[in-house]
PDB file of N, CA and C in Angstrom:
ATOM      1  N   VAL A   1       7.083   5.528 -17.694  1.00  0.00           N
ATOM      2  CA  VAL A   1       6.393   4.357 -18.219  1.00  0.00           C
ATOM      3  C   VAL A   1       5.636   3.337 -17.312  1.00  0.00           C
ATOM      4  N   GLY A   2       4.502   3.633 -16.873  1.00  0.00           N
ATOM      5  CA  GLY A   2       3.904   2.450 -15.557  1.00  0.00           C
ATOM      6  C   GLY A   2       3.818   1.163 -16.076  1.00  0.00           C
ATOM      7  N   VAL A   3       4.187   0.144 -15.442  1.00  0.00           N
ATOM      8  CA  VAL A   3       3.930  -1.012 -15.814  1.00  0.00           C
ATOM      9  C   VAL A   3       3.433  -2.131 -14.516  1.00  0.00           C
ATOM     10  N   PRO A   4       2.667  -2.840 -14.768  1.00  0.00           N
ATOM     11  CA  PRO A   4       2.131  -3.933 -13.471  1.00  0.00           C
ATOM     12  C   PRO A   4       3.174  -4.402 -12.572  1.00  0.00           C
ATOM     13  N   THR A   5       2.928  -4.444 -11.403  1.00  0.00           N
ATOM     14  CA  THR A   5       3.793  -4.539 -10.250  1.00  0.00           C
ATOM     15  C   THR A   5       3.467  -6.230 -10.189  1.00  0.00           C
ATOM     16  N   VAL A   6       4.743  -7.169 -10.333  1.00  0.00           N
ATOM     17  CA  VAL A   6       4.657  -8.423 -10.380  1.00  0.00           C
ATOM     18  C   VAL A   6       4.930  -8.504  -8.804  1.00  0.00           C
ATOM     19  N   ARG A   7       3.913  -9.744  -8.221  1.00  0.00           N
ATOM     20  CA  ARG A   7       3.803  -9.993  -6.957  1.00  0.00           C
ATOM     21  C   ARG A   7       3.906 -11.292  -6.934  1.00  0.00           C
ATOM     22  N   ASP A   8       4.151 -11.670  -5.662  1.00  0.00           N
ATOM     23  CA  ASP A   8       4.649 -13.424  -5.309  1.00  0.00           C
ATOM     24  C   ASP A   8       3.417 -13.823  -4.811  1.00  0.00           C
ATOM     25  N   ASP A   9       3.371 -15.170  -4.737  1.00  0.00           N
ATOM     26  CA  ASP A   9       1.935 -15.572  -4.105  1.00  0.00           C
ATOM     27  C   ASP A   9       1.251 -14.673  -2.701  1.00  0.00           C
ATOM     28  N   ASP A  10       2.215 -14.560  -1.883  1.00  0.00           N
ATOM     29  CA  ASP A  10       1.717 -13.662  -0.673  1.00  0.00           C
ATOM     30  C   ASP A  10       1.387 -12.551  -1.016  1.00  0.00           C
ATOM     31  N   GLY A  11       1.521 -12.081  -2.636  1.00  0.00           N
ATOM     32  CA  GLY A  11       1.111 -10.391  -2.510  1.00  0.00           C
ATOM     33  C   GLY A  11       2.152  -9.268  -2.460  1.00  0.00           C
ATOM     34  N   LEU A  12       3.323  -9.716  -2.026  1.00  0.00           N
ATOM     35  CA  LEU A  12       4.648  -8.924  -1.868  1.00  0.00           C
ATOM     36  C   LEU A  12       5.168  -8.652  -3.204  1.00  0.00           C
ATOM     37  N   ALA A  13       5.522  -7.476  -3.260  1.00  0.00           N
ATOM     38  CA  ALA A  13       6.195  -7.249  -4.855  1.00  0.00           C
ATOM     39  C   ALA A  13       7.286  -7.494  -4.781  1.00  0.00           C
ATOM     40  N   LEU A  14       7.588  -8.235  -6.316  1.00  0.00           N
ATOM     41  CA  LEU A  14       8.914  -8.894  -6.528  1.00  0.00           C
ATOM     42  C   LEU A  14       9.941  -7.776  -6.303  1.00  0.00           C
ATOM     43  N   SER A  15      10.891  -8.012  -5.682  1.00  0.00           N
ATOM     44  CA  SER A  15      11.975  -6.711  -5.713  1.00  0.00           C
ATOM     45  C   SER A  15      13.283  -6.984  -5.218  1.00  0.00           C
ATOM     46  N   SER A  16      14.154  -6.599  -5.251  1.00  0.00           N
ATOM     47  CA  SER A  16      15.115  -6.789  -5.092  1.00  0.00           C
ATOM     48  C   SER A  16      15.747  -6.553  -3.776  1.00  0.00           C
ATOM     49  N   ARG A  17      14.942  -5.283  -2.996  1.00  0.00           N
ATOM     50  CA  ARG A  17      14.928  -5.156  -1.940  1.00  0.00           C
ATOM     51  C   ARG A  17      14.284  -6.027  -0.872  1.00  0.00           C
ATOM     52  N   ASN A  18      13.122  -6.699  -1.591  1.00  0.00           N
ATOM     53  CA  ASN A  18      12.995  -7.534  -0.556  1.00  0.00           C
ATOM     54  C   ASN A  18      13.418  -9.043  -0.420  1.00  0.00           C
ATOM     55  N   MET A  19      14.220  -9.232  -1.232  1.00  0.00           N
ATOM     56  CA  MET A  19      15.202 -10.296  -1.020  1.00  0.00           C
ATOM     57  C   MET A  19      16.187 -10.285   0.420  1.00  0.00           C
ATOM     58  N   ARG A  20      16.432  -9.038   0.678  1.00  0.00           N
ATOM     59  CA  ARG A  20      17.388  -8.811   1.818  1.00  0.00           C
ATOM     60  C   ARG A  20      16.447  -8.785   3.068  1.00  0.00           C
ATOM     61  N   LEU A  21      15.388  -9.134   3.051  1.00  0.00           N
ATOM     62  CA  LEU A  21      14.354  -9.673   4.404  1.00  0.00           C
ATOM     63  C   LEU A  21      14.558 -10.921   5.078  1.00  0.00           C
ATOM     64  N   SER A  22      14.787 -10.492   6.300  1.00  0.00           N
ATOM     65  CA  SER A  22      14.793 -12.415   6.739  1.00  0.00           C
ATOM     66  C   SER A  22      13.600 -13.055   6.426  1.00  0.00           C
ATOM     67  N   THR A  23      13.561 -14.266   6.647  1.00  0.00           N
ATOM     68  CA  THR A  23      12.296 -15.105   6.811  1.00  0.00           C
ATOM     69  C   THR A  23      10.761 -14.663   7.685  1.00  0.00           C
ATOM     70  N   ALA A  24      11.372 -13.897   9.010  1.00  0.00           N
ATOM     71  CA  ALA A  24       9.937 -13.494   9.560  1.00  0.00           C
ATOM     72  C   ALA A  24       9.747 -12.124   9.032  1.00  0.00           C
ATOM     73  N   GLY A  25      10.834 -11.284   8.633  1.00  0.00           N
ATOM     74  CA  GLY A  25      10.614  -9.880   8.369  1.00  0.00           C
ATOM     75  C   GLY A  25       9.586 -10.097   7.122  1.00  0.00           C
ATOM     76  N   ARG A  26       9.986 -11.282   5.966  1.00  0.00           N
ATOM     77  CA  ARG A  26       9.044 -10.803   4.723  1.00  0.00           C
ATOM     78  C   ARG A  26       7.740 -11.673   5.049  1.00  0.00           C
ATOM     79  N   ALA A  27       7.173 -12.231   6.065  1.00  0.00           N
ATOM     80  CA  ALA A  27       6.160 -12.784   6.851  1.00  0.00           C
ATOM     81  C   ALA A  27       5.512 -11.414   6.936  1.00  0.00           C
ATOM     82  N   ALA A  28       6.381 -10.673   7.850  1.00  0.00           N
ATOM     83  CA  ALA A  28       5.845  -9.675   8.785  1.00  0.00           C
ATOM     84  C   ALA A  28       5.391  -8.631   7.580  1.00  0.00           C
ATOM     85  N   ALA A  29       6.381  -8.462   6.228  1.00  0.00           N
ATOM     86  CA  ALA A  29       6.412  -7.464   5.097  1.00  0.00           C
ATOM     87  C   ALA A  29       4.647  -7.650   4.509  1.00  0.00           C
ATOM     88  N   ALA A  30       4.273  -8.784   4.390  1.00  0.00           N
ATOM     89  CA  ALA A  30       3.069  -9.417   3.611  1.00  0.00           C
ATOM     90  C   ALA A  30       1.680  -8.343   4.116  1.00  0.00           C
ATOM     91  N   VAL A  31       2.129  -7.599   5.150  1.00  0.00           N
ATOM     92  CA  VAL A  31       0.930  -6.806   5.739  1.00  0.00           C
ATOM     93  C   VAL A  31       0.642  -5.784   4.869  1.00  0.00           C
ATOM     94  N   ILE A  32       2.115  -5.287   3.980  1.00  0.00           N
ATOM     95  CA  ILE A  32       1.541  -4.246   3.170  1.00  0.00           C
ATOM     96  C   ILE A  32       0.707  -4.464   2.082  1.00  0.00           C
ATOM     97  N   PRO A  33       0.807  -5.690   1.327  1.00  0.00           N
ATOM     98  CA  PRO A  33      -0.301  -5.864   0.377  1.00  0.00           C
ATOM     99  C   PRO A  33      -1.513  -5.847   0.774  1.00  0.00           C
ATOM    100  N   ARG A  34      -1.780  -6.332   1.981  1.00  0.00           N
ATOM    101  CA  ARG A  34      -3.032  -6.507   2.739  1.00  0.00           C
ATOM    102  C   ARG A  34      -3.677  -5.086   2.800  1.00  0.00           C
ATOM    103  N   ALA A  35      -2.708  -3.883   3.785  1.00  0.00           N
ATOM    104  CA  ALA A  35      -2.917  -2.858   3.690  1.00  0.00           C
ATOM    105  C   ALA A  35      -3.477  -1.958   2.279  1.00  0.00           C
ATOM    106  N   LEU A  36      -3.061  -2.340   1.278  1.00  0.00           N
ATOM    107  CA  LEU A  36      -2.900  -1.659   0.040  1.00  0.00           C
ATOM    108  C   LEU A  36      -4.619  -2.133  -0.523  1.00  0.00           C
ATOM    109  N   ARG A  37      -4.673  -3.361  -0.425  1.00  0.00           N
ATOM    110  CA  ARG A  37      -5.781  -3.697  -0.653  1.00  0.00           C
ATOM    111  C   ARG A  37      -7.081  -3.076  -0.032  1.00  0.00           C
ATOM    112  N   ALA A  38      -7.172  -3.321   1.062  1.00  0.00           N
ATOM    113  CA  ALA A  38      -7.895  -2.323   2.069  1.00  0.00           C
ATOM    114  C   ALA A  38      -8.526  -0.974   1.922  1.00  0.00           C
ATOM    115  N   VAL A  39      -7.451  -0.610   1.320  1.00  0.00           N
ATOM    116  CA  VAL A  39      -7.265   1.315   0.883  1.00  0.00           C
ATOM    117  C   VAL A  39      -8.003   1.448  -0.296  1.00  0.00           C
ATOM    118  N   ALA A  40      -7.785   0.166  -0.789  1.00  0.00           N
ATOM    119  CA  ALA A  40      -8.375   0.153  -2.288  1.00  0.00           C
ATOM    120  C   ALA A  40      -9.919  -0.097  -2.285  1.00  0.00           C
ATOM    121  N   GLU A  41     -10.099  -0.966  -1.636  1.00  0.00           N
ATOM    122  CA  GLU A  41     -11.913  -1.471  -1.485  1.00  0.00           C
ATOM    123  C   GLU A  41     -12.481  -0.286  -0.520  1.00  0.00           C
ATOM    124  N   THR A  42     -11.374   0.620   0.421  1.00  0.00           N
ATOM    125  CA  THR A  42     -12.490   1.169   1.436  1.00  0.00           C
ATOM    126  C   THR A  42     -12.692   2.564   0.801  1.00  0.00           C
ATOM    127  N   VAL A  43     -11.714   3.310  -0.370  1.00  0.00           N
ATOM    128  CA  VAL A  43     -11.745   4.505  -1.173  1.00  0.00           C
ATOM    129  C   VAL A  43     -12.769   4.145  -2.181  1.00  0.00           C
ATOM    130  N   ALA A  44     -12.897   2.826  -2.746  1.00  0.00           N
ATOM    131  CA  ALA A  44     -13.747   2.376  -3.567  1.00  0.00           C
ATOM    132  C   ALA A  44     -15.280   2.742  -3.014  1.00  0.00           C
ATOM    133  N   GLU A  45     -15.035   2.208  -2.161  1.00  0.00           N
ATOM    134  CA  GLU A  45     -16.526   1.999  -1.271  1.00  0.00           C
ATOM    135  C   GLU A  45     -17.090   3.553  -0.678  1.00  0.00           C
ATOM    136  N   THR A  46     -16.409   4.061  -0.048  1.00  0.00           N
ATOM    137  CA  THR A  46     -16.725   5.419   0.935  1.00  0.00           C
ATOM    138  C   THR A  46     -16.497   6.758  -0.248  1.00  0.00           C
ATOM    139  N   GLY A  47     -15.198   6.772  -0.770  1.00  0.00           N
ATOM    140  CA  GLY A  47     -15.187   7.731  -1.801  1.00  0.00           C
ATOM    141  C   GLY A  47     -14.390   8.379  -0.962  1.00  0.00           C
ATOM    142  N   ASN A  48     -13.911   8.525   0.133  1.00  0.00           N
ATOM    143  CA  ASN A  48     -13.065   8.883   1.425  1.00  0.00           C
ATOM    144  C   ASN A  48     -11.929   8.492   1.432  1.00  0.00           C
ATOM    145  N   PRO A  49     -10.605   9.265   0.715  1.00  0.00           N
ATOM    146  CA  PRO A  49      -9.325   8.769   0.823  1.00  0.00           C
ATOM    147  C   PRO A  49      -8.840   8.963   2.232  1.00  0.00           C
ATOM    148  N   VAL A  50      -9.220  10.161   3.217  1.00  0.00           N
ATOM    149  CA  VAL A  50      -8.501  10.101   4.402  1.00  0.00           C
ATOM    150  C   VAL A  50      -9.031   8.633   5.405  1.00  0.00           C
ATOM    151  N   GLU A  51     -10.365   7.968   5.154  1.00  0.00           N
ATOM    152  CA  GLU A  51     -11.028   7.175   5.988  1.00  0.00           C
ATOM    153  C   GLU A  51     -10.327   6.182   5.257  1.00  0.00           C
ATOM    154  N   ALA A  52     -10.068   5.821   4.391  1.00  0.00           N
ATOM    155  CA  ALA A  52      -9.537   4.887   3.249  1.00  0.00           C
ATOM    156  C   ALA A  52      -7.641   4.571   4.018  1.00  0.00           C
ATOM    157  N   CYS A  53      -7.103   5.800   4.032  1.00  0.00           N
ATOM    158  CA  CYS A  53      -5.771   5.545   4.432  1.00  0.00           C
ATOM    159  C   CYS A  53      -5.649   5.264   5.921  1.00  0.00           C
ATOM    160  N   ALA A  54      -6.834   5.600   6.824  1.00  0.00           N
ATOM    161  CA  ALA A  54      -7.144   5.405   8.260  1.00  0.00           C
ATOM    162  C   ALA A  54      -7.205   3.795   8.089  1.00  0.00           C
ATOM    163  N   VAL A  55      -7.592   3.313   7.612  1.00  0.00           N
ATOM    164  CA  VAL A  55      -8.329   1.497   7.532  1.00  0.00           C
ATOM    165  C   VAL A  55      -6.870   0.899   7.305  1.00  0.00           C
ATOM    166  N   GLY A  56      -5.897   1.483   6.126  1.00  0.00           N
ATOM    167  CA  GLY A  56      -4.794   0.918   5.593  1.00  0.00           C
ATOM    168  C   GLY A  56      -3.909   0.964   7.031  1.00  0.00           C
ATOM    169  N   ASN A  57      -3.964   2.346   7.397  1.00  0.00           N
ATOM    170  CA  ASN A  57      -2.540   2.334   8.822  1.00  0.00           C
ATOM    171  C   ASN A  57      -2.719   1.532  10.167  1.00  0.00           C
ATOM    172  N   ALA A  58      -4.011   1.482   9.775  1.00  0.00           N
ATOM    173  CA  ALA A  58      -4.436   0.162  11.114  1.00  0.00           C
ATOM    174  C   ALA A  58      -4.079  -0.951  10.928  1.00  0.00           C
ATOM    175  N   ILE A  59      -4.215  -1.668   9.427  1.00  0.00           N
ATOM    176  CA  ILE A  59      -3.599  -2.836   9.119  1.00  0.00           C
ATOM    177  C   ILE A  59      -2.502  -2.688   9.440  1.00  0.00           C
ATOM    178  N   LEU A  60      -1.392  -1.783   9.025  1.00  0.00           N
ATOM    179  CA  LEU A  60       0.013  -1.750   9.058  1.00  0.00           C
ATOM    180  C   LEU A  60       0.426  -1.724  10.220  1.00  0.00           C
ATOM    181  N   ALA A  61      -0.520  -1.038  11.380  1.00  0.00           N
ATOM    182  CA  ALA A  61      -0.096  -0.861  12.721  1.00  0.00           C
ATOM    183  C   ALA A  61      -0.100  -1.981  13.722  1.00  0.00           C
ATOM    184  N   CYS A  62      -0.572  -2.694  12.895  1.00  0.00           N
ATOM    185  CA  CYS A  62      -0.497  -4.677  13.756  1.00  0.00           C
ATOM    186  C   CYS A  62       0.553  -5.046  13.464  1.00  0.00           C
ATOM    187  N   GLU A  63       1.221  -4.906  12.901  1.00  0.00           N
ATOM    188  CA  GLU A  63       2.515  -5.346  12.697  1.00  0.00           C
ATOM    189  C   GLU A  63       3.587  -4.382  13.098  1.00  0.00           C
ATOM    190  N   THR A  64       3.990  -4.977  14.353  1.00  0.00           N
ATOM    191  CA  THR A  64       4.865  -3.628  15.319  1.00  0.00           C
ATOM    192  C   THR A  64       6.268  -4.113  14.987  1.00  0.00           C
ATOM    193  N   SER A  65       7.038  -4.693  14.043  1.00  0.00           N
ATOM    194  CA  SER A  65       7.981  -4.578  13.482  1.00  0.00           C
ATOM    195  C   SER A  65       8.231  -3.490  12.543  1.00  0.00           C
ATOM    196  N   LEU A  66       7.206  -3.404  11.770  1.00  0.00           N
ATOM    197  CA  LEU A  66       7.087  -2.659  10.544  1.00  0.00           C
ATOM    198  C   LEU A  66       7.133  -0.812  11.004  1.00  0.00           C
ATOM    199  N   GLN A  67       8.377  -0.242  10.746  1.00  0.00           N
ATOM    200  CA  GLN A  67       8.172   1.235  10.767  1.00  0.00           C
ATOM    201  C   GLN A  67       7.706   2.083   9.326  1.00  0.00           C
ATOM    202  N   ILE A  68       6.555   2.372   9.773  1.00  0.00           N
ATOM    203  CA  ILE A  68       5.350   3.211   8.464  1.00  0.00           C
ATOM    204  C   ILE A  68       6.084   4.699   8.489  1.00  0.00           C
ATOM    205  N   ASP A  69       6.413   4.997   6.867  1.00  0.00           N
ATOM    206  CA  ASP A  69       6.819   5.955   6.933  1.00  0.00           C
ATOM    207  C   ASP A  69       5.761   7.053   6.187  1.00  0.00           C
ATOM    208  N   TYR A  70       5.056   6.349   5.338  1.00  0.00           N
ATOM    209  CA  TYR A  70       3.733   6.910   4.962  1.00  0.00           C
ATOM    210  C   TYR A  70       2.795   6.234   4.214  1.00  0.00           C
ATOM    211  N   LEU A  71       1.611   6.276   4.356  1.00  0.00           N
ATOM    212  CA  LEU A  71       0.800   5.490   3.212  1.00  0.00           C
ATOM    213  C   LEU A  71      -0.496   6.844   3.142  1.00  0.00           C
ATOM    214  N   VAL A  72      -0.415   7.066   1.466  1.00  0.00           N
ATOM    215  CA  VAL A  72      -0.961   8.248   1.233  1.00  0.00           C
ATOM    216  C   VAL A  72      -1.699   7.940   0.186  1.00  0.00           C
ATOM    217  N   ILE A  73      -2.839   8.689  -0.713  1.00  0.00           N
ATOM    218  CA  ILE A  73      -3.440   8.472  -1.604  1.00  0.00           C
ATOM    219  C   ILE A  73      -3.225   9.782  -2.610  1.00  0.00           C
ATOM    220  N   THR A  74      -2.528   9.482  -4.120  1.00  0.00           N
ATOM    221  CA  THR A  74      -2.283  10.686  -4.400  1.00  0.00           C
ATOM    222  C   THR A  74      -3.137  10.138  -5.856  1.00  0.00           C
ATOM    223  N   ASP A  75      -2.946  11.285  -6.953  1.00  0.00           N
ATOM    224  CA  ASP A  75      -3.332  11.427  -8.033  1.00  0.00           C
ATOM    225  C   ASP A  75      -2.642  10.548  -8.902  1.00  0.00           C
ATOM    226  N   VAL A  76      -2.764  10.102 -10.295  1.00  0.00           N
ATOM    227  CA  VAL A  76      -2.150   9.177 -10.882  1.00  0.00           C
ATOM    228  C   VAL A  76      -0.630   9.721 -11.241  1.00  0.00           C
ATOM    229  N   ASP A  77      -0.427  10.846 -11.211  1.00  0.00           N
ATOM    230  CA  ASP A  77       1.029  11.517 -11.247  1.00  0.00           C
ATOM    231  C   ASP A  77       1.308  12.268 -10.132  1.00  0.00           C
ATOM    232  N   LEU A  78       0.749  11.621  -8.937  1.00  0.00           N
ATOM    233  CA  LEU A  78       1.292  11.750  -7.855  1.00  0.00           C
ATOM    234  C   LEU A  78       1.362  13.365  -7.055  1.00  0.00           C
ATOM    235  N   GLY A  79       0.293  14.053  -7.506  1.00  0.00           N
ATOM    236  CA  GLY A  79      -0.194  15.207  -6.848  1.00  0.00           C
ATOM    237  C   GLY A  79      -1.145  14.798  -6.073  1.00  0.00           C
ATOM    238  N   PRO A  80      -1.697  15.762  -5.604  1.00  0.00           N
ATOM    239  CA  PRO A  80      -2.817  15.707  -4.471  1.00  0.00           C
ATOM    240  C   PRO A  80      -4.028  14.781  -4.937  1.00  0.00           C
ATOM    241  N   ALA A  81      -5.004  14.140  -3.881  1.00  0.00           N
ATOM    242  CA  ALA A  81      -5.721  13.053  -4.224  1.00  0.00           C
ATOM    243  C   ALA A  81      -7.060  13.570  -5.065  1.00  0.00           C
ATOM    244  N   PRO A  82      -7.348  12.889  -6.214  1.00  0.00           N
ATOM    245  CA  PRO A  82      -8.516  14.016  -6.838  1.00  0.00           C
ATOM    246  C   PRO A  82      -9.762  13.556  -5.827  1.00  0.00           C
ATOM    247  N   ALA A  83     -10.784  14.182  -6.215  1.00  0.00           N
ATOM    248  CA  ALA A  83     -12.169  14.170  -5.715  1.00  0.00           C
ATOM    249  C   ALA A  83     -12.700  12.832  -6.085  1.00  0.00           C
ATOM    250  N   SER A  84     -12.567  12.517  -7.369  1.00  0.00           N
ATOM    251  CA  SER A  84     -13.270  11.180  -7.633  1.00  0.00           C
ATOM    252  C   SER A  84     -12.495  10.708  -9.007  1.00  0.00           C
ATOM    253  N   GLY A  85     -12.456   9.424  -9.249  1.00  0.00           N
ATOM    254  CA  GLY A  85     -11.904   8.802 -10.344  1.00  0.00           C
ATOM    255  C   GLY A  85     -10.418   8.044 -10.073  1.00  0.00           C
ATOM    256  N   ALA A  86      -9.397   7.836 -11.288  1.00  0.00           N
ATOM    257  CA  ALA A  86      -7.903   7.220 -10.807  1.00  0.00           C
ATOM    258  C   ALA A  86      -7.083   7.982  -9.861  1.00  0.00           C
ATOM    259  N   ALA A  87      -6.662   7.222  -8.862  1.00  0.00           N
ATOM    260  CA  ALA A  87      -5.771   7.598  -8.379  1.00  0.00           C
ATOM    261  C   ALA A  87      -4.639   6.481  -7.925  1.00  0.00           C
ATOM    262  N   ARG A  88      -3.924   6.664  -7.232  1.00  0.00           N
ATOM    263  CA  ARG A  88      -2.901   5.653  -6.245  1.00  0.00           C
ATOM    264  C   ARG A  88      -2.464   6.042  -4.782  1.00  0.00           C
ATOM    265  N   ALA A  89      -2.859   4.615  -4.194  1.00  0.00           N
ATOM    266  CA  ALA A  89      -2.472   4.354  -2.800  1.00  0.00           C
ATOM    267  C   ALA A  89      -0.784   3.979  -2.847  1.00  0.00           C
ATOM    268  N   LEU A  90       0.169   4.501  -1.919  1.00  0.00           N
ATOM    269  CA  LEU A  90       1.233   4.469  -1.714  1.00  0.00           C
ATOM    270  C   LEU A  90       1.740   4.208  -0.520  1.00  0.00           C
ATOM    271  N   VAL A  91       2.411   3.294  -0.397  1.00  0.00           N
ATOM    272  CA  VAL A  91       3.214   3.290   1.196  1.00  0.00           C
ATOM    273  C   VAL A  91       4.776   3.143   1.133  1.00  0.00           C
ATOM    274  N   ALA A  92       5.672   3.521   2.376  1.00  0.00           N
ATOM    275  CA  ALA A  92       6.624   3.176   2.215  1.00  0.00           C
ATOM    276  C   ALA A  92       6.765   2.988   3.864  1.00  0.00           C
ATOM    277  N   ALA A  93       7.405   1.832   4.128  1.00  0.00           N
ATOM    278  CA  ALA A  93       7.808   1.355   5.304  1.00  0.00           C
ATOM    279  C   ALA A  93       9.346   0.981   5.613  1.00  0.00           C
ATOM    280  N   THR A  94       9.520   0.442   6.746  1.00  0.00           N
ATOM    281  CA  THR A  94      11.037  -0.001   6.985  1.00  0.00           C
ATOM    282  C   THR A  94      10.788  -1.011   7.866  1.00  0.00           C
ATOM    283  N   LEU A  95      11.345  -1.937   7.715  1.00  0.00           N
ATOM    284  CA  LEU A  95      11.650  -3.515   7.961  1.00  0.00           C
ATOM    285  C   LEU A  95      12.853  -4.396   8.101  1.00  0.00           C
ATOM    286  N   ASP A  96      13.577  -4.659   9.201  1.00  0.00           N
ATOM    287  CA  ASP A  96      14.531  -5.396   8.672  1.00  0.00           C
ATOM    288  C   ASP A  96      15.502  -4.687   8.043  1.00  0.00           C
ATOM    289  N   GLY A  97      15.491  -3.180   8.673  1.00  0.00           N
ATOM    290  CA  GLY A  97      16.955  -2.232   7.772  1.00  0.00           C
ATOM    291  C   GLY A  97      16.498  -1.927   6.625  1.00  0.00           C
ATOM    292  N   VAL A  98      15.271  -2.486   5.942  1.00  0.00           N
ATOM    293  CA  VAL A  98      15.024  -2.566   4.488  1.00  0.00           C
ATOM    294  C   VAL A  98      13.913  -1.487   4.120  1.00  0.00           C
ATOM    295  N   ARG A  99      14.169  -0.332   3.417  1.00  0.00           N
ATOM    296  CA  ARG A  99      13.083   0.391   3.011  1.00  0.00           C
ATOM    297  C   ARG A  99      11.963  -0.174   2.031  1.00  0.00           C
ATOM    298  N   LEU A 100      10.981  -0.664   2.338  1.00  0.00           N
ATOM    299  CA  LEU A 100       9.794  -1.162   1.388  1.00  0.00           C
ATOM    300  C   LEU A 100       9.204  -0.173   0.946  1.00  0.00           C
ATOM    301  N   ILE A 101       8.666  -0.494  -0.586  1.00  0.00           N
ATOM    302  CA  ILE A 101       7.840   0.575  -1.227  1.00  0.00           C
ATOM    303  C   ILE A 101       6.866  -0.308  -1.999  1.00  0.00           C
ATOM    304  N   ASP A 102       5.567   0.387  -1.759  1.00  0.00           N
ATOM    305  CA  ASP A 102       4.775  -0.473  -2.776  1.00  0.00           C
ATOM    306  C   ASP A 102       3.395   0.515  -3.005  1.00  0.00           C
ATOM    307  N   ASN A 103       2.924   0.299  -4.428  1.00  0.00           N
ATOM    308  CA  ASN A 103       1.381   1.143  -4.813  1.00  0.00           C
ATOM    309  C   ASN A 103       0.648   0.444  -5.455  1.00  0.00           C
ATOM    310  N   VAL A 104      -0.621   0.458  -5.456  1.00  0.00           N
ATOM    311  CA  VAL A 104      -2.027   0.050  -6.140  1.00  0.00           C
ATOM    312  C   VAL A 104      -2.556   1.056  -6.460  1.00  0.00           C
ATOM    313  N   PRO A 105      -3.204   1.120  -7.808  1.00  0.00           N
ATOM    314  CA  PRO A 105      -4.142   1.752  -8.123  1.00  0.00           C
ATOM    315  C   PRO A 105      -5.452   1.612  -7.789  1.00  0.00           C
ATOM    316  N   VAL A 106      -6.376   2.689  -7.414  1.00  0.00           N
ATOM    317  CA  VAL A 106      -7.138   2.783  -6.731  1.00  0.00           C
ATOM    318  C   VAL A 106      -8.290   3.784  -7.724  1.00  0.00           C
ATOM    319  N   THR A 107      -9.368   3.639  -7.239  1.00  0.00           N
ATOM    320  CA  THR A 107     -10.563   4.391  -7.996  1.00  0.00           C
ATOM    321  C   THR A 107     -11.406   5.096  -6.877  1.00  0.00           C
ATOM    322  N   ILE A 108     -11.303   6.321  -6.876  1.00  0.00           N
ATOM    323  CA  ILE A 108     -11.924   7.453  -5.524  1.00  0.00           C
ATOM    324  C   ILE A 108     -13.629   7.021  -5.894  1.00  0.00           C
ATOM    325  N   GLY A 109     -14.259   6.692  -4.838  1.00  0.00           N
ATOM    326  CA  GLY A 109     -15.871   6.780  -5.282  1.00  0.00           C
ATOM    327  C   GLY A 109     -16.417   5.622  -6.690  1.00  0.00           C
ATOM    328  N   ALA A 110     -15.586   4.807  -6.726  1.00  0.00           N
ATOM    329  CA  ALA A 110     -15.965   3.974  -7.473  1.00  0.00           C
ATOM    330  C   ALA A 110     -16.774   2.556  -6.729  1.00  0.00           C
ATOM    331  N   ARG A 111     -18.031   2.378  -6.652  1.00  0.00           N
ATOM    332  CA  ARG A 111     -18.406   1.511  -5.720  1.00  0.00           C
ATOM    333  C   ARG A 111     -18.370  -0.030  -6.414  1.00  0.00           C
ATOM    334  N   LEU A 112     -17.685  -0.868  -5.694  1.00  0.00           N
ATOM    335  CA  LEU A 112     -17.684  -2.146  -5.843  1.00  0.00           C
ATOM    336  C   LEU A 112     -19.114  -3.025  -6.311  1.00  0.00           C
TER     337      LEU A 112
END
């Protein structure tokens, strides 16, 4: 059963893993929710999950201390992304030796 993600003021998901980040690592990790917001906005505007992930990956790449495992868009049950409608953007990355994961709901092709 899914529940809303609780987030800190900087947008980072509240997680026991995030507590293990250094002060600098925590500041660097704030790029993750920014990238996910950009993915959600781009896929809603363009309807193109590949383009949206490229935008998100470009944002993540600006934080050189972040080792990106993946940024993908899937259907809500984690299968292949649908052509339109409800989906999820998921990211996994490592920072300060901590594996960080986050996700947001997205809607493919829903004009903002």
